[in-house]
C-alpha cells in the first residue's frame, strides 16, 4: 500500500486496484483500521471491525451490493451509511469520506 498524507486525508491506492465487490483493509496513519468497498464505480470506507463480534470485515466479510455481512454471526451493514441492518448487529459502523482524484483513492479521517 502506498500512503501519502495530505492534511486529514491519506492516499490509499489507485482506484483500478479495487475491483467490483472487493473489500480491502488498510491502516490509517492515526491507527484506525478501515475497510474499503467497491460497489460499481463508487468506493466506500467504514471501520473494519464489526460492532458486534470484533471480526475484521475486510478479512472475513462478504459484500453483496451495498451490504457487507460479517461472517461470524451473519449481521449486516450498509456500506454507504454504516447502518446496522440485521441482528445481532445494532450499532452502526463508523464511515469515512472517500475521494477519488485522478484515479487515486483518498480516505479522509
Protein backbone atom coordinates (compact mmCIF):
# COMPACT_ATOMS: atom_id res chain seq x y z
CA UNK A 1 0.00 0.00 0.00
CA UNK A 2 1.33 3.39 -0.88
CA UNK A 3 0.49 6.15 1.53
CA UNK A 4 0.90 9.89 1.06
CA UNK A 5 -0.68 12.11 3.70
CA UNK A 6 -2.36 15.33 2.66
CA UNK A 7 -3.89 17.17 5.63
CA UNK A 8 -6.55 14.93 7.13
CA UNK A 9 -6.68 12.54 4.23
CA UNK A 10 -4.38 9.79 3.09
CA UNK A 11 -3.78 8.24 -0.31
CA UNK A 12 -4.59 4.54 -0.08
CA UNK A 13 -4.25 3.13 -3.58
CA UNK A 14 -5.31 3.64 -7.17
CA UNK A 15 -8.97 3.01 -7.96
CA UNK A 16 -8.05 0.37 -10.57
CA UNK A 17 -6.61 -1.76 -7.74
CA UNK A 18 -10.14 -2.30 -6.35
CA UNK A 19 -12.46 -4.49 -8.40
CA UNK A 20 -16.24 -4.61 -8.15
CA UNK A 21 -17.18 -6.40 -4.91
CA UNK A 22 -13.70 -6.11 -3.37
CA UNK A 23 -13.10 -5.36 0.30
CA UNK A 24 -9.63 -4.01 1.15
CA UNK A 25 -8.39 -3.42 4.70
CA UNK A 26 -5.98 -0.56 5.38
CA UNK A 27 -4.49 1.16 8.40
CA UNK A 28 -4.76 4.93 8.63
CA UNK A 29 -1.82 6.97 9.98
CA UNK A 30 -3.73 7.61 13.23
CA UNK A 31 -4.05 3.84 13.88
CA UNK A 32 -7.64 3.34 12.78
CA UNK A 33 -8.24 0.34 10.51
CA UNK A 34 -10.76 0.84 7.73
CA UNK A 35 -12.38 -1.38 5.11
CA UNK A 36 -12.75 -0.08 1.55
CA UNK A 37 -15.56 -1.44 -0.62
CA UNK A 38 -16.06 -1.03 -4.35
CA UNK A 39 -19.68 -1.05 -5.48
CA UNK A 40 -19.99 -0.16 -9.15
CA UNK A 41 -17.89 2.94 -9.75
CA UNK A 42 -18.11 4.11 -6.13
CA UNK A 43 -15.70 3.35 -3.29
CA UNK A 44 -16.91 3.45 0.32
CA UNK A 45 -15.00 3.24 3.61
CA UNK A 46 -16.11 2.11 7.06
CA UNK A 47 -14.37 0.99 10.21
CA UNK A 48 -13.03 -2.51 9.60
CA UNK A 49 -14.27 -4.13 12.81
CA UNK A 50 -17.80 -5.47 13.19
CA UNK A 51 -19.54 -3.65 16.04
CA UNK A 52 -21.00 -6.90 17.34
CA UNK A 53 -18.30 -9.55 17.29
CA UNK A 54 -14.95 -7.81 16.76
CA UNK A 55 -14.42 -9.56 13.40
CA UNK A 56 -12.47 -7.92 10.56
CA UNK A 57 -14.85 -7.10 7.74
CA UNK A 58 -12.01 -6.83 5.21
CA UNK A 59 -10.71 -10.28 6.09
CA UNK A 60 -13.95 -12.16 6.78
CA UNK A 61 -16.78 -10.03 5.44
CA UNK A 62 -18.88 -10.74 2.35
CA UNK A 63 -20.02 -7.87 0.14
CA UNK A 64 -23.28 -8.09 -1.80
CA UNK A 65 -24.27 -4.82 -3.43
CA UNK A 66 -24.19 -2.14 -0.72
CA UNK A 67 -24.41 -4.67 2.12
CA UNK A 68 -21.47 -6.23 3.95
CA UNK A 69 -22.11 -9.32 6.03
CA UNK A 70 -19.96 -10.28 8.99
CA UNK A 71 -19.28 -13.99 8.66
CA UNK A 72 -19.04 -14.52 12.43
CA UNK A 73 -22.73 -14.05 13.28
CA UNK A 74 -24.19 -13.03 9.89
CA UNK A 75 -25.13 -9.48 10.90
CA UNK A 76 -25.12 -6.94 8.08
CA UNK A 77 -24.30 -3.27 7.49
CA UNK A 78 -24.95 -0.75 4.73
CA UNK A 79 -21.50 0.37 3.49
CA UNK A 80 -22.92 3.72 2.32
CA UNK A 81 -24.11 4.81 5.76
CA UNK A 82 -22.62 2.28 8.18
CA UNK A 83 -26.15 1.46 9.42
CA UNK A 84 -26.61 -1.89 11.13
CA UNK A 85 -29.24 -3.72 9.08
CA UNK A 86 -29.76 -7.11 10.70
CA UNK A 87 -29.46 -8.73 14.09
CA UNK A 88 -27.33 -9.33 16.02
CA UNK A 89 -25.70 -6.07 14.88
CA UNK A 90 -27.33 -2.97 16.35
CA UNK A 91 -24.52 -0.39 16.41
CA UNK A 92 -23.59 1.37 13.16
CA UNK A 93 -20.10 1.26 11.68
CA UNK A 94 -18.16 4.50 11.51
CA UNK A 95 -17.94 5.76 7.93
CA UNK A 96 -15.17 7.77 6.29
CA UNK A 97 -15.40 10.09 3.28
CA UNK A 98 -13.62 8.77 0.20
CA UNK A 99 -12.30 10.95 -2.61
CA UNK A 100 -11.00 9.72 -5.96
CA UNK A 101 -8.70 12.27 -7.59
CA UNK A 102 -7.02 11.46 -10.90
CA UNK A 103 -7.54 7.76 -10.18
CA UNK A 104 -6.01 7.91 -6.68
CA UNK A 105 -8.20 6.85 -3.73
CA UNK A 106 -8.01 9.04 -0.61
CA UNK A 107 -9.70 8.38 2.74
CA UNK A 108 -10.49 11.41 4.87
CA UNK A 109 -10.26 10.99 8.64
